[in-house]
């Protein structure tokens, strides 16, 4: 079966719903999301964490839709346009604020679904997280393990649940090797090309209530950033690797093309506090 790999990355998208941090109005949310210092930090994470491994994917046959609002301030909107022109896999979608977040995401994703594919591997990708350099290749290869369930049920997911949590505060970045179930990054939902849903229609923290999930832990596949600018910042259920690596900086460099030293220096420069949320960093 031919598998299309199709991701969605929301870059400071201004919508009326879909956030855990609440605001009283669209104007208040716009002020929060478009704060110049916040957008500078988001771009830092995007450049330092997200983009390097996407550029280095061993299998370049994928599409990542970057979704933002048409009024995203400059220079950030211009920079996204430049990236979409530079990186063949990126598609920029400008979606105005909508009442329902899932409908807004569907508007961004639908034009990019390959209706001639047998299966679409949908994945969400936050603008401060990373997947490993072989994520696309492995997801396409590992679909064969889940294919019997897909043929039976019409949907299935693969959860690459071994990775690294990049926990950042004013003291810098801690790189924590962790197993996390359904953390949202490196989590692929396989659906038929004519399905009305995508990955955003299934809450990742309870994905197993929607479909069967194959959890794989044979290699580190995600790096998830947790810091004061997260919408939630909760780690979810997690536990350490049995044999943590002695060279975490080397692992991040080889698997995700992340420069841990540069990331740590940038975060110290921000002076990020712990977010005022009950489960931040837990």
Protein backbone atom coordinates (compact mmCIF):
# COMPACT_ATOMS: atom_id res chain seq x y z
CA UNK A 1 0.00 0.00 0.00
CA UNK A 2 1.23 3.49 -0.86
CA UNK A 3 1.41 5.70 2.23
CA UNK A 4 1.32 9.48 2.08
CA UNK A 5 2.97 11.13 5.10
CA UNK A 6 1.16 14.38 5.92
CA UNK A 7 1.88 16.58 8.94
CA UNK A 8 0.38 19.74 10.43
CA UNK A 9 2.40 22.35 12.30
CA UNK A 10 0.50 25.25 13.87
CA UNK A 11 2.74 28.32 14.19
CA UNK A 12 1.10 30.75 16.63
CA UNK A 13 -2.24 30.19 14.93
CA UNK A 14 -4.87 32.63 16.16
CA UNK A 15 -8.09 30.70 16.71
CA UNK A 16 -11.02 30.99 19.07
CA UNK A 17 -10.67 27.50 20.53
CA UNK A 18 -8.10 24.73 20.81
CA UNK A 19 -6.02 26.19 23.65
CA UNK A 20 -5.62 25.22 27.29
CA UNK A 21 -4.52 28.75 28.21
CA UNK A 22 -7.77 30.70 28.00
CA UNK A 23 -8.30 34.32 26.93
CA UNK A 24 -11.41 36.43 27.23
CA UNK A 25 -11.45 37.56 23.62
CA UNK A 26 -9.77 37.08 20.27
CA UNK A 27 -8.08 40.45 20.77
CA UNK A 28 -6.57 39.28 24.07
CA UNK A 29 -5.35 36.07 22.47
CA UNK A 30 -3.90 38.01 19.54
CA UNK A 31 -1.96 40.23 21.94
CA UNK A 32 -0.65 37.14 23.73
CA UNK A 33 0.27 35.12 20.62
CA UNK A 34 1.72 38.03 18.67
CA UNK A 35 3.75 39.56 21.48
CA UNK A 36 7.09 40.36 19.79
CA UNK A 37 9.24 38.74 22.48
CA UNK A 38 7.13 35.60 22.47
CA UNK A 39 7.29 35.31 18.66
CA UNK A 40 11.07 35.72 18.78
CA UNK A 41 11.26 32.82 21.24
CA UNK A 42 8.93 30.68 19.11
CA UNK A 43 11.10 31.27 16.06
CA UNK A 44 14.17 30.33 18.06
CA UNK A 45 12.61 26.98 18.99
CA UNK A 46 11.42 26.46 15.41
CA UNK A 47 14.91 27.08 13.99
CA UNK A 48 16.89 25.27 16.66
CA UNK A 49 14.67 22.26 17.34
CA UNK A 50 12.04 21.67 14.64
CA UNK A 51 13.60 22.50 11.30
CA UNK A 52 17.01 20.75 11.40
CA UNK A 53 15.68 17.18 11.37
CA UNK A 54 12.93 18.02 8.87
CA UNK A 55 15.61 19.27 6.49
CA UNK A 56 17.64 16.09 7.10
CA UNK A 57 14.91 13.46 6.62
CA UNK A 58 16.32 10.40 4.88
CA UNK A 59 12.99 9.92 3.11
CA UNK A 60 12.04 13.31 1.61
CA UNK A 61 8.60 12.13 0.45
CA UNK A 62 6.37 13.95 2.94
CA UNK A 63 4.34 17.13 3.28
CA UNK A 64 4.27 19.40 6.33
CA UNK A 65 1.52 22.01 6.35
CA UNK A 66 2.51 25.07 8.39
CA UNK A 67 -0.66 26.77 9.54
CA UNK A 68 -0.81 30.34 10.82
CA UNK A 69 -3.01 33.40 10.61
CA UNK A 70 -2.98 35.86 7.68
CA UNK A 71 -2.17 38.68 10.13
CA UNK A 72 0.91 37.04 11.68
CA UNK A 73 3.25 40.01 12.13
CA UNK A 74 6.38 40.57 10.10
CA UNK A 75 9.11 39.51 9.89
CA UNK A 76 7.69 36.14 10.94
CA UNK A 77 5.15 35.73 8.15
CA UNK A 78 7.77 36.67 5.59
CA UNK A 79 10.17 34.16 7.08
CA UNK A 80 7.56 31.41 6.84
CA UNK A 81 6.99 32.31 3.19
CA UNK A 82 10.73 32.07 2.57
CA UNK A 83 10.91 28.67 4.24
CA UNK A 84 7.99 27.37 2.17
CA UNK A 85 9.82 28.50 -0.97
CA UNK A 86 13.10 26.95 0.19
CA UNK A 87 11.96 23.60 1.63
CA UNK A 88 10.02 21.52 -0.92
CA UNK A 89 8.03 19.63 1.72
CA UNK A 90 6.60 22.74 3.44
CA UNK A 91 3.21 24.18 2.51
CA UNK A 92 2.09 27.44 4.13
CA UNK A 93 -1.63 27.83 4.86
CA UNK A 94 -3.04 31.12 6.16
CA UNK A 95 -6.29 30.46 8.02
CA UNK A 96 -8.32 33.30 9.58
CA UNK A 97 -9.67 32.88 13.12
CA UNK A 98 -12.49 30.33 13.16
CA UNK A 99 -14.96 29.34 15.86
CA UNK A 100 -13.88 25.69 15.85
CA UNK A 101 -10.23 24.70 15.93
CA UNK A 102 -10.66 21.32 14.27
CA UNK A 103 -12.52 22.90 11.37
CA UNK A 104 -9.69 25.40 10.95
CA UNK A 105 -7.13 22.59 10.90
CA UNK A 106 -9.23 20.67 8.37
CA UNK A 107 -9.27 23.73 6.12
CA UNK A 108 -5.46 23.79 6.22
CA UNK A 109 -4.95 20.05 5.71
CA UNK A 110 -7.61 19.09 3.15
CA UNK A 111 -5.97 20.65 0.06
CA UNK A 112 -2.84 18.57 0.65
CA UNK A 113 -4.35 15.09 1.05
CA UNK A 114 -3.28 12.83 -1.83
CA UNK A 115 -6.55 11.19 -2.83
CA UNK A 116 -4.65 8.63 -4.91
CA UNK A 117 -2.75 7.26 -1.90
CA UNK A 118 -3.91 4.03 -0.26
CA UNK A 119 -3.25 5.36 3.25
CA UNK A 120 -2.48 8.76 4.75
CA UNK A 121 -0.16 8.88 7.76
CA UNK A 122 -1.28 12.02 9.60
CA UNK A 123 0.95 13.55 12.27
CA UNK A 124 0.81 16.73 14.35
CA UNK A 125 4.04 18.61 14.88
CA UNK A 126 4.40 21.47 17.34
CA UNK A 127 6.71 24.31 16.32
CA UNK A 128 9.12 23.58 19.19
CA UNK A 129 9.38 19.78 18.92
CA UNK A 130 11.45 17.50 16.71
CA UNK A 131 11.21 14.10 15.09
CA UNK A 132 14.26 11.98 14.34
CA UNK A 133 15.96 12.18 10.97
CA UNK A 134 14.53 8.77 9.99
CA UNK A 135 10.99 9.42 11.22
CA UNK A 136 9.35 9.48 7.78
CA UNK A 137 11.23 6.41 6.58
CA UNK A 138 10.50 4.42 9.72
CA UNK A 139 6.82 5.38 9.84
CA UNK A 140 6.36 4.28 6.26
CA UNK A 141 8.30 1.04 6.92
CA UNK A 142 6.60 0.27 10.23
CA UNK A 143 3.15 0.69 8.80
CA UNK A 144 3.49 -2.92 7.65
CA UNK A 145 3.32 -3.94 11.34
CA UNK A 146 0.01 -2.09 11.75
CA UNK A 147 -1.41 -2.82 8.29
CA UNK A 148 -3.51 -5.85 9.41
CA UNK A 149 -5.29 -3.64 11.97
CA UNK A 150 -5.78 -0.92 9.37
CA UNK A 151 -7.31 -3.36 6.92
CA UNK A 152 -9.64 -4.62 9.63
CA UNK A 153 -10.60 -1.32 11.30
CA UNK A 154 -9.92 1.38 8.70
CA UNK A 155 -7.67 3.26 11.13
CA UNK A 156 -4.63 2.59 13.31
CA UNK A 157 -1.84 4.57 14.96
CA UNK A 158 1.86 4.10 15.62
CA UNK A 159 3.27 5.71 18.76
CA UNK A 160 7.04 6.17 18.77
CA UNK A 161 7.23 6.54 22.51
CA UNK A 162 10.99 6.69 23.10
CA UNK A 163 12.57 10.11 22.99
CA UNK A 164 13.99 13.10 24.83
CA UNK A 165 12.23 15.79 26.84
CA UNK A 166 13.94 19.17 26.60
CA UNK A 167 12.89 20.82 29.85
CA UNK A 168 13.78 24.51 29.80
CA UNK A 169 13.66 27.22 32.45
CA UNK A 170 15.82 30.15 33.56
CA UNK A 171 18.69 27.78 34.44
CA UNK A 172 18.94 26.36 30.92
CA UNK A 173 17.91 23.09 29.27
CA UNK A 174 17.73 19.63 30.82
CA UNK A 175 17.73 16.80 28.28
CA UNK A 176 15.77 13.96 29.86
CA UNK A 177 15.71 10.56 28.08
CA UNK A 178 12.15 9.31 28.55
CA UNK A 179 9.49 6.88 27.40
CA UNK A 180 6.17 8.71 27.05
CA UNK A 181 2.93 7.19 25.83
CA UNK A 182 1.10 9.18 23.14
CA UNK A 183 2.91 12.41 23.81
CA UNK A 184 1.69 13.89 20.53
CA UNK A 185 5.01 14.20 18.67
CA UNK A 186 6.19 11.24 16.53
CA UNK A 187 2.66 9.87 16.76
CA UNK A 188 1.17 8.82 13.41
CA UNK A 189 -2.53 8.24 12.75
CA UNK A 190 -3.13 6.20 9.59
CA UNK A 191 -6.46 6.87 7.86
CA UNK A 192 -7.96 6.35 4.40
CA UNK A 193 -7.48 9.30 2.04
CA UNK A 194 -11.23 9.95 1.99
CA UNK A 195 -11.50 10.17 5.78
CA UNK A 196 -12.94 13.42 7.11
CA UNK A 197 -10.68 13.25 10.17
CA UNK A 198 -6.95 13.84 10.64
CA UNK A 199 -4.63 13.50 13.63
CA UNK A 200 -6.05 16.64 15.28
CA UNK A 201 -9.48 15.01 15.57
CA UNK A 202 -8.23 12.44 18.08
CA UNK A 203 -6.96 13.58 21.50
CA UNK A 204 -3.45 12.17 21.63
CA UNK A 205 -3.54 11.54 25.39
CA UNK A 206 -6.41 9.07 24.97
CA UNK A 207 -5.79 7.90 21.44
CA UNK A 208 -6.27 4.28 22.49
CA UNK A 209 -9.95 4.98 23.11
CA UNK A 210 -10.35 5.89 19.43
CA UNK A 211 -8.30 3.18 17.72
CA UNK A 212 -5.70 0.49 18.19
CA UNK A 213 -2.20 1.86 18.76
CA UNK A 214 1.11 0.09 18.10
CA UNK A 215 3.74 1.45 20.54
CA UNK A 216 7.37 1.14 19.42
CA UNK A 217 10.39 1.91 21.56
CA UNK A 218 13.39 0.54 19.68
CA UNK A 219 14.98 3.94 18.92
CA UNK A 220 14.68 7.59 20.05
CA UNK A 221 12.18 9.20 17.71
CA UNK A 222 11.02 12.43 19.37
CA UNK A 223 12.37 15.47 21.16
CA UNK A 224 9.70 17.42 23.01
CA UNK A 225 10.30 20.92 24.38
CA UNK A 226 8.69 21.87 27.69
CA UNK A 227 9.01 25.52 28.69
CA UNK A 228 7.08 28.59 29.84
CA UNK A 229 5.61 29.29 26.40
CA UNK A 230 3.93 25.89 26.11
CA UNK A 231 0.15 25.85 26.03
CA UNK A 232 0.10 23.16 28.73
CA UNK A 233 3.62 22.04 29.66
CA UNK A 234 2.48 18.81 31.32
CA UNK A 235 4.77 15.87 30.56
CA UNK A 236 2.15 13.15 30.86
CA UNK A 237 2.95 9.63 32.01
CA UNK A 238 6.67 9.07 31.50
CA UNK A 239 9.57 7.01 32.78
CA UNK A 240 13.33 7.02 32.13
CA UNK A 241 15.21 4.76 29.76
CA UNK A 242 16.75 1.68 31.33
CA UNK A 243 20.15 2.58 29.86
CA UNK A 244 20.42 6.35 29.38
CA UNK A 245 23.13 7.51 26.97
CA UNK A 246 26.39 8.87 28.33
CA UNK A 247 26.53 11.53 25.60
CA UNK A 248 23.12 13.17 25.41
CA UNK A 249 24.45 16.06 23.31
CA UNK A 250 25.79 13.55 20.79
CA UNK A 251 22.49 11.70 20.64
CA UNK A 252 20.54 14.92 20.05
CA UNK A 253 22.98 15.89 17.33
CA UNK A 254 22.91 12.55 15.52
CA UNK A 255 19.18 11.76 15.84
CA UNK A 256 17.65 15.25 15.65
CA UNK A 257 20.41 17.58 14.42
CA UNK A 258 19.89 19.62 17.60
CA UNK A 259 22.83 21.58 19.00
CA UNK A 260 22.24 21.24 22.75
CA UNK A 261 24.88 23.83 23.64
CA UNK A 262 23.36 26.48 21.38
CA UNK A 263 19.89 25.63 22.67
CA UNK A 264 21.01 25.95 26.29
CA UNK A 265 22.73 29.29 25.68
CA UNK A 266 19.65 30.67 23.93
CA UNK A 267 17.32 29.59 26.72
CA UNK A 268 19.56 31.11 29.39
CA UNK A 269 19.43 34.34 27.42
CA UNK A 270 15.63 34.28 27.48
CA UNK A 271 15.54 33.77 31.25
CA UNK A 272 12.44 31.58 30.93
CA UNK A 273 10.53 31.07 34.19
CA UNK A 274 8.50 28.03 35.04
CA UNK A 275 5.02 28.50 33.66
CA UNK A 276 2.20 29.31 36.06
CA UNK A 277 0.29 26.08 35.39
CA UNK A 278 -0.43 23.34 37.92
CA UNK A 279 1.24 20.50 36.06
CA UNK A 280 4.00 22.34 34.21
CA UNK A 281 7.04 20.12 33.80
CA UNK A 282 5.40 17.14 35.53
